[in-house]
mmCIF file of all heavy atoms, coordinates in Angstrom:
data_MODEL
# 
_entry.id   MODEL 
# 
loop_
_atom_site.group_PDB 
_atom_site.id 
_atom_site.type_symbol 
_atom_site.label_atom_id 
_atom_site.label_alt_id 
_atom_site.label_comp_id 
_atom_site.label_asym_id 
_atom_site.label_entity_id 
_atom_site.label_seq_id 
_atom_site.pdbx_PDB_ins_code 
_atom_site.Cartn_x 
_atom_site.Cartn_y 
_atom_site.Cartn_z 
_atom_site.occupancy 
_atom_site.B_iso_or_equiv 
_atom_site.pdbx_formal_charge 
_atom_site.auth_seq_id 
_atom_site.auth_comp_id 
_atom_site.auth_asym_id 
_atom_site.auth_atom_id 
_atom_site.pdbx_PDB_model_num 
ATOM 1   N N   . TYR A 1 1  ? -49.157 9.605  6.334  1.00 0.00 ? 1  TYR A N   1 
ATOM 2   C CA  . TYR A 1 1  ? -49.133 8.610  5.254  1.00 0.00 ? 1  TYR A CA  1 
ATOM 3   C C   . TYR A 1 1  ? -48.883 9.285  3.913  1.00 0.00 ? 1  TYR A C   1 
ATOM 4   O O   . TYR A 1 1  ? -47.971 8.922  3.160  1.00 0.00 ? 1  TYR A O   1 
ATOM 5   C CB  . TYR A 1 1  ? -50.453 7.839  5.255  1.00 0.00 ? 1  TYR A CB  1 
ATOM 6   C CG  . TYR A 1 1  ? -50.725 7.031  4.006  1.00 0.00 ? 1  TYR A CG  1 
ATOM 7   C CD1 . TYR A 1 1  ? -50.139 5.783  3.827  1.00 0.00 ? 1  TYR A CD1 1 
ATOM 8   C CD2 . TYR A 1 1  ? -51.588 7.516  3.020  1.00 0.00 ? 1  TYR A CD2 1 
ATOM 9   C CE1 . TYR A 1 1  ? -50.397 5.037  2.682  1.00 0.00 ? 1  TYR A CE1 1 
ATOM 10  C CE2 . TYR A 1 1  ? -51.855 6.777  1.887  1.00 0.00 ? 1  TYR A CE2 1 
ATOM 11  C CZ  . TYR A 1 1  ? -51.256 5.541  1.713  1.00 0.00 ? 1  TYR A CZ  1 
ATOM 12  O OH  . TYR A 1 1  ? -51.516 4.810  0.579  1.00 0.00 ? 1  TYR A OH  1 
ATOM 13  N N   . HIS A 1 2  ? -49.678 10.296 3.592  1.00 0.00 ? 2  HIS A N   1 
ATOM 14  C CA  . HIS A 1 2  ? -49.486 11.008 2.332  1.00 0.00 ? 2  HIS A CA  1 
ATOM 15  C C   . HIS A 1 2  ? -48.120 11.697 2.292  1.00 0.00 ? 2  HIS A C   1 
ATOM 16  O O   . HIS A 1 2  ? -47.440 11.686 1.258  1.00 0.00 ? 2  HIS A O   1 
ATOM 17  C CB  . HIS A 1 2  ? -50.594 12.050 2.147  1.00 0.00 ? 2  HIS A CB  1 
ATOM 18  C CG  . HIS A 1 2  ? -51.949 11.466 1.968  1.00 0.00 ? 2  HIS A CG  1 
ATOM 19  N ND1 . HIS A 1 2  ? -52.254 10.562 0.980  1.00 0.00 ? 2  HIS A ND1 1 
ATOM 20  C CD2 . HIS A 1 2  ? -53.110 11.665 2.663  1.00 0.00 ? 2  HIS A CD2 1 
ATOM 21  C CE1 . HIS A 1 2  ? -53.530 10.227 1.060  1.00 0.00 ? 2  HIS A CE1 1 
ATOM 22  N NE2 . HIS A 1 2  ? -54.065 10.879 2.072  1.00 0.00 ? 2  HIS A NE2 1 
ATOM 23  N N   . CYS A 1 3  ? -47.739 12.292 3.405  1.00 0.00 ? 3  CYS A N   1 
ATOM 24  C CA  . CYS A 1 3  ? -46.477 13.028 3.453  1.00 0.00 ? 3  CYS A CA  1 
ATOM 25  C C   . CYS A 1 3  ? -45.289 12.108 3.222  1.00 0.00 ? 3  CYS A C   1 
ATOM 26  O O   . CYS A 1 3  ? -44.343 12.463 2.513  1.00 0.00 ? 3  CYS A O   1 
ATOM 27  C CB  . CYS A 1 3  ? -46.357 13.741 4.793  1.00 0.00 ? 3  CYS A CB  1 
ATOM 28  S SG  . CYS A 1 3  ? -44.929 14.837 4.929  1.00 0.00 ? 3  CYS A SG  1 
ATOM 29  N N   . GLN A 1 4  ? -45.325 10.922 3.805  1.00 0.00 ? 4  GLN A N   1 
ATOM 30  C CA  . GLN A 1 4  ? -44.225 9.982  3.616  1.00 0.00 ? 4  GLN A CA  1 
ATOM 31  C C   . GLN A 1 4  ? -44.090 9.569  2.159  1.00 0.00 ? 4  GLN A C   1 
ATOM 32  O O   . GLN A 1 4  ? -42.980 9.487  1.619  1.00 0.00 ? 4  GLN A O   1 
ATOM 33  C CB  . GLN A 1 4  ? -44.431 8.743  4.495  1.00 0.00 ? 4  GLN A CB  1 
ATOM 34  C CG  . GLN A 1 4  ? -43.455 7.599  4.245  1.00 0.00 ? 4  GLN A CG  1 
ATOM 35  C CD  . GLN A 1 4  ? -42.025 7.912  4.657  1.00 0.00 ? 4  GLN A CD  1 
ATOM 36  O OE1 . GLN A 1 4  ? -41.755 8.946  5.274  1.00 0.00 ? 4  GLN A OE1 1 
ATOM 37  N NE2 . GLN A 1 4  ? -41.108 7.028  4.321  1.00 0.00 ? 4  GLN A NE2 1 
ATOM 38  N N   . ILE A 1 5  ? -45.204 9.326  1.481  1.00 0.00 ? 5  ILE A N   1 
ATOM 39  C CA  . ILE A 1 5  ? -45.164 8.880  0.086  1.00 0.00 ? 5  ILE A CA  1 
ATOM 40  C C   . ILE A 1 5  ? -44.617 9.983  -0.820 1.00 0.00 ? 5  ILE A C   1 
ATOM 41  O O   . ILE A 1 5  ? -43.817 9.719  -1.724 1.00 0.00 ? 5  ILE A O   1 
ATOM 42  C CB  . ILE A 1 5  ? -46.567 8.428  -0.366 1.00 0.00 ? 5  ILE A CB  1 
ATOM 43  C CG1 . ILE A 1 5  ? -46.946 7.138  0.375  1.00 0.00 ? 5  ILE A CG1 1 
ATOM 44  C CG2 . ILE A 1 5  ? -46.621 8.211  -1.874 1.00 0.00 ? 5  ILE A CG2 1 
ATOM 45  C CD1 . ILE A 1 5  ? -48.383 6.707  0.180  1.00 0.00 ? 5  ILE A CD1 1 
ATOM 46  N N   . VAL A 1 6  ? -45.013 11.217 -0.582 1.00 0.00 ? 6  VAL A N   1 
ATOM 47  C CA  . VAL A 1 6  ? -44.610 12.316 -1.459 1.00 0.00 ? 6  VAL A CA  1 
ATOM 48  C C   . VAL A 1 6  ? -43.248 12.873 -1.085 1.00 0.00 ? 6  VAL A C   1 
ATOM 49  O O   . VAL A 1 6  ? -42.428 13.175 -1.955 1.00 0.00 ? 6  VAL A O   1 
ATOM 50  C CB  . VAL A 1 6  ? -45.663 13.440 -1.425 1.00 0.00 ? 6  VAL A CB  1 
ATOM 51  C CG1 . VAL A 1 6  ? -45.209 14.649 -2.258 1.00 0.00 ? 6  VAL A CG1 1 
ATOM 52  C CG2 . VAL A 1 6  ? -47.002 12.926 -1.950 1.00 0.00 ? 6  VAL A CG2 1 
ATOM 53  N N   . GLU A 1 7  ? -42.973 13.019 0.222  1.00 0.00 ? 7  GLU A N   1 
ATOM 54  C CA  . GLU A 1 7  ? -41.817 13.787 0.659  1.00 0.00 ? 7  GLU A CA  1 
ATOM 55  C C   . GLU A 1 7  ? -40.891 13.066 1.630  1.00 0.00 ? 7  GLU A C   1 
ATOM 56  O O   . GLU A 1 7  ? -39.678 13.260 1.580  1.00 0.00 ? 7  GLU A O   1 
ATOM 57  C CB  . GLU A 1 7  ? -42.291 15.080 1.337  1.00 0.00 ? 7  GLU A CB  1 
ATOM 58  C CG  . GLU A 1 7  ? -43.244 15.903 0.506  1.00 0.00 ? 7  GLU A CG  1 
ATOM 59  C CD  . GLU A 1 7  ? -43.793 17.079 1.287  1.00 0.00 ? 7  GLU A CD  1 
ATOM 60  O OE1 . GLU A 1 7  ? -42.987 17.901 1.767  1.00 0.00 ? 7  GLU A OE1 1 
ATOM 61  O OE2 . GLU A 1 7  ? -45.026 17.173 1.429  1.00 0.00 ? 7  GLU A OE2 1 
ATOM 62  N N   . GLY A 1 8  ? -41.450 12.299 2.576  1.00 0.00 ? 8  GLY A N   1 
ATOM 63  C CA  . GLY A 1 8  ? -40.627 11.723 3.623  1.00 0.00 ? 8  GLY A CA  1 
ATOM 64  C C   . GLY A 1 8  ? -40.161 12.775 4.617  1.00 0.00 ? 8  GLY A C   1 
ATOM 65  O O   . GLY A 1 8  ? -40.734 13.853 4.716  1.00 0.00 ? 8  GLY A O   1 
ATOM 66  N N   . ASP A 1 9  ? -39.105 12.445 5.377  1.00 0.00 ? 9  ASP A N   1 
ATOM 67  C CA  . ASP A 1 9  ? -38.515 13.375 6.344  1.00 0.00 ? 9  ASP A CA  1 
ATOM 68  C C   . ASP A 1 9  ? -39.562 13.838 7.348  1.00 0.00 ? 9  ASP A C   1 
ATOM 69  O O   . ASP A 1 9  ? -39.662 15.019 7.685  1.00 0.00 ? 9  ASP A O   1 
ATOM 70  C CB  . ASP A 1 9  ? -37.894 14.561 5.601  1.00 0.00 ? 9  ASP A CB  1 
ATOM 71  C CG  . ASP A 1 9  ? -36.822 15.276 6.414  1.00 0.00 ? 9  ASP A CG  1 
ATOM 72  O OD1 . ASP A 1 9  ? -36.271 14.660 7.349  1.00 0.00 ? 9  ASP A OD1 1 
ATOM 73  O OD2 . ASP A 1 9  ? -36.554 16.456 6.115  1.00 0.00 ? 9  ASP A OD2 1 
ATOM 74  N N   . LEU A 1 10 ? -40.357 12.887 7.867  1.00 0.00 ? 10 LEU A N   1 
ATOM 75  C CA  . LEU A 1 10 ? -41.531 13.236 8.657  1.00 0.00 ? 10 LEU A CA  1 
ATOM 76  C C   . LEU A 1 10 ? -41.180 13.952 9.949  1.00 0.00 ? 10 LEU A C   1 
ATOM 77  O O   . LEU A 1 10 ? -41.833 14.942 10.315 1.00 0.00 ? 10 LEU A O   1 
ATOM 78  C CB  . LEU A 1 10 ? -42.339 11.973 8.971  1.00 0.00 ? 10 LEU A CB  1 
ATOM 79  C CG  . LEU A 1 10 ? -42.902 11.214 7.767  1.00 0.00 ? 10 LEU A CG  1 
ATOM 80  C CD1 . LEU A 1 10 ? -43.668 9.982  8.238  1.00 0.00 ? 10 LEU A CD1 1 
ATOM 81  C CD2 . LEU A 1 10 ? -43.797 12.115 6.935  1.00 0.00 ? 10 LEU A CD2 1 
ATOM 82  N N   . ALA A 1 11 ? -40.177 13.462 10.659 1.00 0.00 ? 11 ALA A N   1 
ATOM 83  C CA  . ALA A 1 11 ? -39.857 14.066 11.949 1.00 0.00 ? 11 ALA A CA  1 
ATOM 84  C C   . ALA A 1 11 ? -39.458 15.524 11.787 1.00 0.00 ? 11 ALA A C   1 
ATOM 85  O O   . ALA A 1 11 ? -39.878 16.396 12.565 1.00 0.00 ? 11 ALA A O   1 
ATOM 86  C CB  . ALA A 1 11 ? -38.755 13.272 12.639 1.00 0.00 ? 11 ALA A CB  1 
ATOM 87  N N   . MET A 1 12 ? -38.644 15.802 10.788 1.00 0.00 ? 12 MET A N   1 
ATOM 88  C CA  . MET A 1 12 ? -38.206 17.181 10.596 1.00 0.00 ? 12 MET A CA  1 
ATOM 89  C C   . MET A 1 12 ? -39.361 18.074 10.143 1.00 0.00 ? 12 MET A C   1 
ATOM 90  O O   . MET A 1 12 ? -39.416 19.254 10.500 1.00 0.00 ? 12 MET A O   1 
ATOM 91  C CB  . MET A 1 12 ? -37.054 17.238 9.596  1.00 0.00 ? 12 MET A CB  1 
ATOM 92  C CG  . MET A 1 12 ? -35.801 16.518 10.074 1.00 0.00 ? 12 MET A CG  1 
ATOM 93  S SD  . MET A 1 12 ? -35.264 17.044 11.731 1.00 0.00 ? 12 MET A SD  1 
ATOM 94  C CE  . MET A 1 12 ? -34.818 18.756 11.414 1.00 0.00 ? 12 MET A CE  1 
ATOM 95  N N   . LYS A 1 13 ? -40.295 17.515 9.380  1.00 0.00 ? 13 LYS A N   1 
ATOM 96  C CA  . LYS A 1 13 ? -41.454 18.325 8.988  1.00 0.00 ? 13 LYS A CA  1 
ATOM 97  C C   . LYS A 1 13 ? -42.351 18.611 10.192 1.00 0.00 ? 13 LYS A C   1 
ATOM 98  O O   . LYS A 1 13 ? -42.900 19.715 10.312 1.00 0.00 ? 13 LYS A O   1 
ATOM 99  C CB  . LYS A 1 13 ? -42.211 17.633 7.865  1.00 0.00 ? 13 LYS A CB  1 
ATOM 100 C CG  . LYS A 1 13 ? -41.477 17.757 6.524  1.00 0.00 ? 13 LYS A CG  1 
ATOM 101 C CD  . LYS A 1 13 ? -42.251 17.183 5.383  1.00 0.00 ? 13 LYS A CD  1 
ATOM 102 C CE  . LYS A 1 13 ? -41.552 17.549 4.064  1.00 0.00 ? 13 LYS A CE  1 
ATOM 103 N NZ  . LYS A 1 13 ? -40.158 17.067 4.006  1.00 0.00 ? 13 LYS A NZ  1 
ATOM 104 N N   . LEU A 1 14 ? -42.506 17.635 11.073 1.00 0.00 ? 14 LEU A N   1 
ATOM 105 C CA  . LEU A 1 14 ? -43.256 17.901 12.295 1.00 0.00 ? 14 LEU A CA  1 
ATOM 106 C C   . LEU A 1 14 ? -42.568 18.975 13.125 1.00 0.00 ? 14 LEU A C   1 
ATOM 107 O O   . LEU A 1 14 ? -43.221 19.892 13.652 1.00 0.00 ? 14 LEU A O   1 
ATOM 108 C CB  . LEU A 1 14 ? -43.417 16.616 13.110 1.00 0.00 ? 14 LEU A CB  1 
ATOM 109 C CG  . LEU A 1 14 ? -44.379 15.580 12.539 1.00 0.00 ? 14 LEU A CG  1 
ATOM 110 C CD1 . LEU A 1 14 ? -44.273 14.271 13.313 1.00 0.00 ? 14 LEU A CD1 1 
ATOM 111 C CD2 . LEU A 1 14 ? -45.823 16.091 12.563 1.00 0.00 ? 14 LEU A CD2 1 
ATOM 112 N N   . ARG A 1 15 ? -41.261 18.880 13.250 1.00 0.00 ? 15 ARG A N   1 
ATOM 113 C CA  . ARG A 1 15 ? -40.524 19.892 14.018 1.00 0.00 ? 15 ARG A CA  1 
ATOM 114 C C   . ARG A 1 15 ? -40.636 21.272 13.369 1.00 0.00 ? 15 ARG A C   1 
ATOM 115 O O   . ARG A 1 15 ? -40.663 22.293 14.057 1.00 0.00 ? 15 ARG A O   1 
ATOM 116 C CB  . ARG A 1 15 ? -39.052 19.495 14.136 1.00 0.00 ? 15 ARG A CB  1 
ATOM 117 C CG  . ARG A 1 15 ? -38.806 18.287 15.032 1.00 0.00 ? 15 ARG A CG  1 
ATOM 118 C CD  . ARG A 1 15 ? -37.320 18.035 15.231 1.00 0.00 ? 15 ARG A CD  1 
ATOM 119 N NE  . ARG A 1 15 ? -37.081 16.838 16.023 1.00 0.00 ? 15 ARG A NE  1 
ATOM 120 C CZ  . ARG A 1 15 ? -37.125 16.794 17.348 1.00 0.00 ? 15 ARG A CZ  1 
ATOM 121 N NH1 . ARG A 1 15 ? -37.402 17.909 18.028 1.00 0.00 ? 15 ARG A NH1 1 
ATOM 122 N NH2 . ARG A 1 15 ? -36.882 15.676 17.997 1.00 0.00 ? 15 ARG A NH2 1 
ATOM 123 N N   . ARG A 1 16 ? -40.718 21.300 12.071 1.00 0.00 ? 16 ARG A N   1 
ATOM 124 C CA  . ARG A 1 16 ? -40.816 22.582 11.369 1.00 0.00 ? 16 ARG A CA  1 
ATOM 125 C C   . ARG A 1 16 ? -42.193 23.210 11.489 1.00 0.00 ? 16 ARG A C   1 
ATOM 126 O O   . ARG A 1 16 ? -42.333 24.411 11.753 1.00 0.00 ? 16 ARG A O   1 
ATOM 127 C CB  . ARG A 1 16 ? -40.459 22.403 9.895  1.00 0.00 ? 16 ARG A CB  1 
ATOM 128 C CG  . ARG A 1 16 ? -40.624 23.675 9.071  1.00 0.00 ? 16 ARG A CG  1 
ATOM 129 C CD  . ARG A 1 16 ? -40.234 23.465 7.620  1.00 0.00 ? 16 ARG A CD  1 
ATOM 130 N NE  . ARG A 1 16 ? -40.418 24.689 6.842  1.00 0.00 ? 16 ARG A NE  1 
ATOM 131 C CZ  . ARG A 1 16 ? -40.206 24.784 5.534  1.00 0.00 ? 16 ARG A CZ  1 
ATOM 132 N NH1 . ARG A 1 16 ? -39.787 23.715 4.847  1.00 0.00 ? 16 ARG A NH1 1 
ATOM 133 N NH2 . ARG A 1 16 ? -40.402 25.926 4.905  1.00 0.00 ? 16 ARG A NH2 1 
ATOM 134 N N   . TYR A 1 17 ? -43.245 22.403 11.293 1.00 0.00 ? 17 TYR A N   1 
ATOM 135 C CA  . TYR A 1 17 ? -44.569 22.980 11.115 1.00 0.00 ? 17 TYR A CA  1 
ATOM 136 C C   . TYR A 1 17 ? -45.418 23.033 12.384 1.00 0.00 ? 17 TYR A C   1 
ATOM 137 O O   . TYR A 1 17 ? -46.259 23.932 12.518 1.00 0.00 ? 17 TYR A O   1 
ATOM 138 C CB  . TYR A 1 17 ? -45.317 22.229 10.024 1.00 0.00 ? 17 TYR A CB  1 
ATOM 139 C CG  . TYR A 1 17 ? -44.739 22.435 8.649  1.00 0.00 ? 17 TYR A CG  1 
ATOM 140 C CD1 . TYR A 1 17 ? -44.277 21.361 7.876  1.00 0.00 ? 17 TYR A CD1 1 
ATOM 141 C CD2 . TYR A 1 17 ? -44.626 23.709 8.105  1.00 0.00 ? 17 TYR A CD2 1 
ATOM 142 C CE1 . TYR A 1 17 ? -43.739 21.556 6.614  1.00 0.00 ? 17 TYR A CE1 1 
ATOM 143 C CE2 . TYR A 1 17 ? -44.090 23.913 6.843  1.00 0.00 ? 17 TYR A CE2 1 
ATOM 144 C CZ  . TYR A 1 17 ? -43.646 22.830 6.102  1.00 0.00 ? 17 TYR A CZ  1 
ATOM 145 O OH  . TYR A 1 17 ? -43.117 23.033 4.848  1.00 0.00 ? 17 TYR A OH  1 
ATOM 146 N N   . LEU A 1 18 ? -45.256 22.101 13.317 1.00 0.00 ? 18 LEU A N   1 
ATOM 147 C CA  . LEU A 1 18 ? -46.129 22.112 14.483 1.00 0.00 ? 18 LEU A CA  1 
ATOM 148 C C   . LEU A 1 18 ? -45.959 23.354 15.353 1.00 0.00 ? 18 LEU A C   1 
ATOM 149 O O   . LEU A 1 18 ? -46.957 23.924 15.807 1.00 0.00 ? 18 LEU A O   1 
ATOM 150 C CB  . LEU A 1 18 ? -45.927 20.838 15.316 1.00 0.00 ? 18 LEU A CB  1 
ATOM 151 C CG  . LEU A 1 18 ? -47.078 19.837 15.175 1.00 0.00 ? 18 LEU A CG  1 
ATOM 152 C CD1 . LEU A 1 18 ? -47.107 19.254 13.769 1.00 0.00 ? 18 LEU A CD1 1 
ATOM 153 C CD2 . LEU A 1 18 ? -46.945 18.726 16.198 1.00 0.00 ? 18 LEU A CD2 1 
ATOM 154 N N   . PRO A 1 19 ? -44.736 23.812 15.601 1.00 0.00 ? 19 PRO A N   1 
ATOM 155 C CA  . PRO A 1 19 ? -44.614 24.979 16.490 1.00 0.00 ? 19 PRO A CA  1 
ATOM 156 C C   . PRO A 1 19 ? -45.271 26.239 15.947 1.00 0.00 ? 19 PRO A C   1 
ATOM 157 O O   . PRO A 1 19 ? -45.600 27.145 16.720 1.00 0.00 ? 19 PRO A O   1 
ATOM 158 C CB  . PRO A 1 19 ? -43.084 25.152 16.615 1.00 0.00 ? 19 PRO A CB  1 
ATOM 159 C CG  . PRO A 1 19 ? -42.528 23.784 16.383 1.00 0.00 ? 19 PRO A CG  1 
ATOM 160 C CD  . PRO A 1 19 ? -43.412 23.212 15.316 1.00 0.00 ? 19 PRO A CD  1 
ATOM 161 N N   . GLY A 1 20 ? -45.500 26.328 14.655 1.00 0.00 ? 20 GLY A N   1 
ATOM 162 C CA  . GLY A 1 20 ? -46.134 27.511 14.086 1.00 0.00 ? 20 GLY A CA  1 
ATOM 163 C C   . GLY A 1 20 ? -47.622 27.605 14.335 1.00 0.00 ? 20 GLY A C   1 
ATOM 164 O O   . GLY A 1 20 ? -48.232 28.649 14.080 1.00 0.00 ? 20 GLY A O   1 
ATOM 165 N N   . GLY A 1 21 ? -48.232 26.516 14.784 1.00 0.00 ? 21 GLY A N   1 
ATOM 166 C CA  . GLY A 1 21 ? -49.652 26.531 15.102 1.00 0.00 ? 21 GLY A CA  1 
ATOM 167 C C   . GLY A 1 21 ? -50.583 26.375 13.912 1.00 0.00 ? 21 GLY A C   1 
ATOM 168 O O   . GLY A 1 21 ? -51.796 26.513 14.065 1.00 0.00 ? 21 GLY A O   1 
ATOM 169 N N   . ASN A 1 22 ? -50.026 26.079 12.742 1.00 0.00 ? 22 ASN A N   1 
ATOM 170 C CA  . ASN A 1 22 ? -50.866 25.978 11.549 1.00 0.00 ? 22 ASN A CA  1 
ATOM 171 C C   . ASN A 1 22 ? -51.213 24.550 11.157 1.00 0.00 ? 22 ASN A C   1 
ATOM 172 O O   . ASN A 1 22 ? -51.775 24.333 10.086 1.00 0.00 ? 22 ASN A O   1 
ATOM 173 C CB  . ASN A 1 22 ? -50.189 26.684 10.373 1.00 0.00 ? 22 ASN A CB  1 
ATOM 174 C CG  . ASN A 1 22 ? -50.260 28.196 10.492 1.00 0.00 ? 22 ASN A CG  1 
ATOM 175 O OD1 . ASN A 1 22 ? -51.164 28.726 11.124 1.00 0.00 ? 22 ASN A OD1 1 
ATOM 176 N ND2 . ASN A 1 22 ? -49.296 28.883 9.900  1.00 0.00 ? 22 ASN A ND2 1 
ATOM 177 N N   . VAL A 1 23 ? -50.874 23.565 11.989 1.00 0.00 ? 23 VAL A N   1 
ATOM 178 C CA  . VAL A 1 23 ? -51.311 22.183 11.776 1.00 0.00 ? 23 VAL A CA  1 
ATOM 179 C C   . VAL A 1 23 ? -52.536 21.955 12.654 1.00 0.00 ? 23 VAL A C   1 
ATOM 180 O O   . VAL A 1 23 ? -52.454 21.999 13.881 1.00 0.00 ? 23 VAL A O   1 
ATOM 181 C CB  . VAL A 1 23 ? -50.204 21.173 12.109 1.00 0.00 ? 23 VAL A CB  1 
ATOM 182 C CG1 . VAL A 1 23 ? -50.737 19.740 12.016 1.00 0.00 ? 23 VAL A CG1 1 
ATOM 183 C CG2 . VAL A 1 23 ? -49.018 21.352 11.163 1.00 0.00 ? 23 VAL A CG2 1 
ATOM 184 N N   . GLY A 1 24 ? -53.668 21.716 12.026 1.00 0.00 ? 24 GLY A N   1 
ATOM 185 C CA  . GLY A 1 24 ? -54.906 21.574 12.768 1.00 0.00 ? 24 GLY A CA  1 
ATOM 186 C C   . GLY A 1 24 ? -55.302 20.147 13.080 1.00 0.00 ? 24 GLY A C   1 
ATOM 187 O O   . GLY A 1 24 ? -56.156 19.920 13.950 1.00 0.00 ? 24 GLY A O   1 
ATOM 188 N N   . HIS A 1 25 ? -54.713 19.177 12.386 1.00 0.00 ? 25 HIS A N   1 
ATOM 189 C CA  . HIS A 1 25 ? -55.087 17.774 12.597 1.00 0.00 ? 25 HIS A CA  1 
ATOM 190 C C   . HIS A 1 25 ? -54.006 16.908 11.971 1.00 0.00 ? 25 HIS A C   1 
ATOM 191 O O   . HIS A 1 25 ? -53.382 17.305 10.976 1.00 0.00 ? 25 HIS A O   1 
ATOM 192 C CB  . HIS A 1 25 ? -56.438 17.480 11.943 1.00 0.00 ? 25 HIS A CB  1 
ATOM 193 C CG  . HIS A 1 25 ? -57.033 16.147 12.291 1.00 0.00 ? 25 HIS A CG  1 
ATOM 194 N ND1 . HIS A 1 25 ? -57.364 15.783 13.575 1.00 0.00 ? 25 HIS A ND1 1 
ATOM 195 C CD2 . HIS A 1 25 ? -57.368 15.079 11.516 1.00 0.00 ? 25 HIS A CD2 1 
ATOM 196 C CE1 . HIS A 1 25 ? -57.883 14.564 13.570 1.00 0.00 ? 25 HIS A CE1 1 
ATOM 197 N NE2 . HIS A 1 25 ? -57.893 14.122 12.330 1.00 0.00 ? 25 HIS A NE2 1 
ATOM 198 N N   . ILE A 1 26 ? -53.792 15.735 12.560 1.00 0.00 ? 26 ILE A N   1 
ATOM 199 C CA  . ILE A 1 26 ? -52.806 14.779 12.057 1.00 0.00 ? 26 ILE A CA  1 
ATOM 200 C C   . ILE A 1 26 ? -53.504 13.450 11.817 1.00 0.00 ? 26 ILE A C   1 
ATOM 201 O O   . ILE A 1 26 ? -54.407 13.057 12.570 1.00 0.00 ? 26 ILE A O   1 
ATOM 202 C CB  . ILE A 1 26 ? -51.635 14.632 13.049 1.00 0.00 ? 26 ILE A CB  1 
ATOM 203 C CG1 . ILE A 1 26 ? -50.772 15.896 13.024 1.00 0.00 ? 26 ILE A CG1 1 
ATOM 204 C CG2 . ILE A 1 26 ? -50.780 13.401 12.733 1.00 0.00 ? 26 ILE A CG2 1 
ATOM 205 C CD1 . ILE A 1 26 ? -49.679 15.927 14.050 1.00 0.00 ? 26 ILE A CD1 1 
ATOM 206 N N   . GLN A 1 27 ? -53.104 12.766 10.749 1.00 0.00 ? 27 GLN A N   1 
ATOM 207 C CA  . GLN A 1 27 ? -53.619 11.429 10.460 1.00 0.00 ? 27 GLN A CA  1 
ATOM 208 C C   . GLN A 1 27 ? -52.458 10.482 10.184 1.00 0.00 ? 27 GLN A C   1 
ATOM 209 O O   . GLN A 1 27 ? -51.350 10.913 9.832  1.00 0.00 ? 27 GLN A O   1 
ATOM 210 C CB  . GLN A 1 27 ? -54.561 11.465 9.252  1.00 0.00 ? 27 GLN A CB  1 
ATOM 211 C CG  . GLN A 1 27 ? -55.861 12.218 9.529  1.00 0.00 ? 27 GLN A CG  1 
ATOM 212 C CD  . GLN A 1 27 ? -56.742 12.330 8.309  1.00 0.00 ? 27 GLN A CD  1 
ATOM 213 O OE1 . GLN A 1 27 ? -56.280 12.598 7.206  1.00 0.00 ? 27 GLN A OE1 1 
ATOM 214 N NE2 . GLN A 1 27 ? -58.042 12.145 8.496  1.00 0.00 ? 27 GLN A NE2 1 
ATOM 215 N N   . ILE A 1 28 ? -52.722 9.184  10.329 1.00 0.00 ? 28 ILE A N   1 
ATOM 216 C CA  . ILE A 1 28 ? -51.685 8.166  10.179 1.00 0.00 ? 28 ILE A CA  1 
ATOM 217 C C   . ILE A 1 28 ? -52.219 6.956  9.430  1.00 0.00 ? 28 ILE A C   1 
ATOM 218 O O   . ILE A 1 28 ? -53.423 6.700  9.382  1.00 0.00 ? 28 ILE A O   1 
ATOM 219 C CB  . ILE A 1 28 ? -51.143 7.693  11.546 1.00 0.00 ? 28 ILE A CB  1 
ATOM 220 C CG1 . ILE A 1 28 ? -52.289 7.146  12.422 1.00 0.00 ? 28 ILE A CG1 1 
ATOM 221 C CG2 . ILE A 1 28 ? -50.376 8.819  12.244 1.00 0.00 ? 28 ILE A CG2 1 
ATOM 222 C CD1 . ILE A 1 28 ? -51.833 6.400  13.656 1.00 0.00 ? 28 ILE A CD1 1 
ATOM 223 N N   . ALA A 1 29 ? -51.284 6.202  8.866  1.00 0.00 ? 29 ALA A N   1 
ATOM 224 C CA  . ALA A 1 29 ? -51.514 4.862  8.318  1.00 0.00 ? 29 ALA A CA  1 
ATOM 225 C C   . ALA A 1 29 ? -50.151 4.279  7.990  1.00 0.00 ? 29 ALA A C   1 
ATOM 226 O O   . ALA A 1 29 ? -49.186 5.015  7.750  1.00 0.00 ? 29 ALA A O   1 
ATOM 227 C CB  . ALA A 1 29 ? -52.389 4.906  7.062  1.00 0.00 ? 29 ALA A CB  1 
# 
């Protein structure tokens, strides 16, 4: 939710950051 408001491009950010192992939790709205 916060990411979409500030930056967007959610799918590509997930593809970028999740494989690195540094995302500890995800939230939605």
